[in-house]
C-alpha atoms as a PDB file:
ATOM      1  CA  MET A   1      47.568 -32.666  10.367  1.00  0.00           C
ATOM      2  CA  LEU A   2      49.304 -33.079  13.761  1.00  0.00           C
ATOM      3  CA  SER A   3      51.208 -36.077  12.532  1.00  0.00           C
ATOM      4  CA  LEU A   4      52.341 -34.096   9.489  1.00  0.00           C
ATOM      5  CA  LEU A   5      53.597 -31.274  11.709  1.00  0.00           C
ATOM      6  CA  ALA A   6      55.240 -33.728  14.095  1.00  0.00           C
ATOM      7  CA  SER A   7      57.038 -35.478  11.274  1.00  0.00           C
ATOM      8  CA  LEU A   8      58.802 -32.263  10.216  1.00  0.00           C
ATOM      9  CA  GLY A   9      61.554 -32.957  12.673  1.00  0.00           C
ATOM     10  CA  GLY A  10      62.982 -31.059  15.611  1.00  0.00           C
ATOM     11  CA  PRO A  11      64.005 -32.176  19.008  1.00  0.00           C
ATOM     12  CA  GLU A  12      62.463 -35.384  20.355  1.00  0.00           C
ATOM     13  CA  TRP A  13      61.011 -33.599  23.386  1.00  0.00           C
ATOM     14  CA  LEU A  14      59.368 -30.829  21.295  1.00  0.00           C
ATOM     15  CA  LYS A  15      56.361 -32.436  19.682  1.00  0.00           C
ATOM     16  CA  LEU A  16      53.343 -30.426  18.747  1.00  0.00           C
ATOM     17  CA  ASP A  17      50.780 -33.062  19.816  1.00  0.00           C
ATOM     18  CA  GLN A  18      52.370 -33.180  23.288  1.00  0.00           C
ATOM     19  CA  ILE A  19      52.290 -29.439  23.619  1.00  0.00           C
ATOM     20  CA  LEU A  20      48.616 -29.293  22.560  1.00  0.00           C
ATOM     21  CA  SER A  21      47.784 -32.120  24.905  1.00  0.00           C
ATOM     22  CA  ALA A  22      49.397 -30.260  27.806  1.00  0.00           C
ATOM     23  CA  MET A  23      47.566 -27.079  26.948  1.00  0.00           C
ATOM     24  CA  VAL A  24      44.201 -28.906  26.755  1.00  0.00           C
ATOM     25  CA  PHE A  25      44.730 -30.641  30.091  1.00  0.00           C
ATOM     26  CA  SER A  26      45.858 -27.394  31.724  1.00  0.00           C
ATOM     27  CA  VAL A  27      42.783 -25.481  30.488  1.00  0.00           C
ATOM     28  CA  LEU A  28      40.574 -28.391  31.546  1.00  0.00           C
ATOM     29  CA  GLY A  29      42.158 -28.323  35.007  1.00  0.00           C
ATOM     30  CA  VAL A  30      41.575 -24.613  35.477  1.00  0.00           C
ATOM     31  CA  VAL A  31      37.982 -24.877  34.295  1.00  0.00           C
ATOM     32  CA  LEU A  32      37.412 -27.838  36.641  1.00  0.00           C
ATOM     33  CA  PHE A  33      38.945 -25.915  39.582  1.00  0.00           C
ATOM     34  CA  VAL A  34      36.738 -22.852  38.951  1.00  0.00           C
ATOM     35  CA  LEU A  35      33.639 -25.055  38.593  1.00  0.00           C
ATOM     36  CA  LEU A  36      34.348 -27.021  41.751  1.00  0.00           C
ATOM     37  CA  PHE A  37      35.159 -23.842  43.690  1.00  0.00           C
ATOM     38  CA  TRP A  38      31.819 -22.358  42.620  1.00  0.00           C
ATOM     39  CA  LEU A  39      29.990 -25.595  43.451  1.00  0.00           C
ATOM     40  CA  MET A  40      31.561 -25.797  46.916  1.00  0.00           C
ATOM     41  CA  ASP A  41      30.741 -22.086  47.487  1.00  0.00           C
ATOM     42  CA  LYS A  42      27.100 -22.819  46.720  1.00  0.00           C
ATOM     43  CA  MET A  43      26.947 -25.971  48.899  1.00  0.00           C
ATOM     44  CA  THR A  44      28.293 -24.278  52.031  1.00  0.00           C
ATOM     45  CA  PRO A  45      26.176 -21.938  54.220  1.00  0.00           C
ATOM     46  CA  TYR A  46      28.773 -19.134  53.946  1.00  0.00           C
ATOM     47  CA  SER A  47      30.450 -17.351  51.103  1.00  0.00           C
ATOM     48  CA  PHE A  48      34.035 -18.319  50.354  1.00  0.00           C
ATOM     49  CA  TRP A  49      34.883 -14.809  49.114  1.00  0.00           C
ATOM     50  CA  THR A  50      33.502 -13.180  52.296  1.00  0.00           C
ATOM     51  CA  GLU A  51      35.368 -15.607  54.509  1.00  0.00           C
ATOM     52  CA  LEU A  52      38.635 -15.161  52.608  1.00  0.00           C
ATOM     53  CA  LEU A  53      38.679 -11.399  51.979  1.00  0.00           C
ATOM     54  CA  GLU A  54      36.699  -9.902  54.856  1.00  0.00           C
ATOM     55  CA  GLU A  55      37.048 -12.443  57.672  1.00  0.00           C
ATOM     56  CA  HIS A  56      40.620 -13.456  56.775  1.00  0.00           C
ATOM     57  CA  ASN A  57      39.874 -17.123  57.376  1.00  0.00           C
ATOM     58  CA  SER A  58      43.349 -18.778  57.144  1.00  0.00           C
ATOM     59  CA  ALA A  59      42.032 -22.327  57.457  1.00  0.00           C
ATOM     60  CA  LEU A  60      39.813 -21.857  54.418  1.00  0.00           C
ATOM     61  CA  ALA A  61      42.654 -20.308  52.444  1.00  0.00           C
ATOM     62  CA  ILE A  62      44.865 -23.309  53.297  1.00  0.00           C
ATOM     63  CA  PHE A  63      42.092 -25.699  52.290  1.00  0.00           C
ATOM     64  CA  ILE A  64      41.537 -23.997  48.923  1.00  0.00           C
ATOM     65  CA  GLY A  65      45.321 -23.936  48.346  1.00  0.00           C
ATOM     66  CA  CYS A  66      45.479 -27.656  49.040  1.00  0.00           C
ATOM     67  CA  CYS A  67      42.704 -28.267  46.546  1.00  0.00           C
ATOM     68  CA  ALA A  68      44.534 -26.228  43.910  1.00  0.00           C
ATOM     69  CA  ILE A  69      47.794 -28.158  44.549  1.00  0.00           C
ATOM     70  CA  SER A  70      46.044 -31.535  44.378  1.00  0.00           C
ATOM     71  CA  LEU A  71      44.340 -30.582  41.114  1.00  0.00           C
ATOM     72  CA  GLY A  72      47.679 -29.490  39.746  1.00  0.00           C
ATOM     73  CA  ILE A  73      49.197 -32.854  40.637  1.00  0.00           C
ATOM     74  CA  ILE A  74      46.300 -34.637  38.931  1.00  0.00           C
ATOM     75  CA  VAL A  75      46.731 -32.499  35.774  1.00  0.00           C
ATOM     76  CA  ALA A  76      50.501 -33.064  35.798  1.00  0.00           C
ATOM     77  CA  ALA A  77      49.996 -36.831  36.096  1.00  0.00           C
ATOM     78  CA  SER A  78      47.540 -36.850  33.239  1.00  0.00           C
ATOM     79  CA  ILE A  79      49.893 -34.919  31.036  1.00  0.00           C
ATOM     80  CA  ALA A  80      52.786 -37.220  31.925  1.00  0.00           C
ATOM     81  CA  GLY A  81      50.780 -40.197  30.843  1.00  0.00           C
END
């Protein structure tokens, strides 16, 4: 069915299978980030949410931001091929 829709024409850069692939990889990346955040929260002796919101731990916020950026780079590379 995807090949039938892709063969209908349109711009070369606008292909339905590529859009669906990007959406799947993006959702998979978000799910993986949430799962790994939860796993790291369970593995450490303190709560990430408490440290971030109540203690205002800047180092932890920077670390989580770096993890999010690196996962975004991995998802972008997997979408690009």
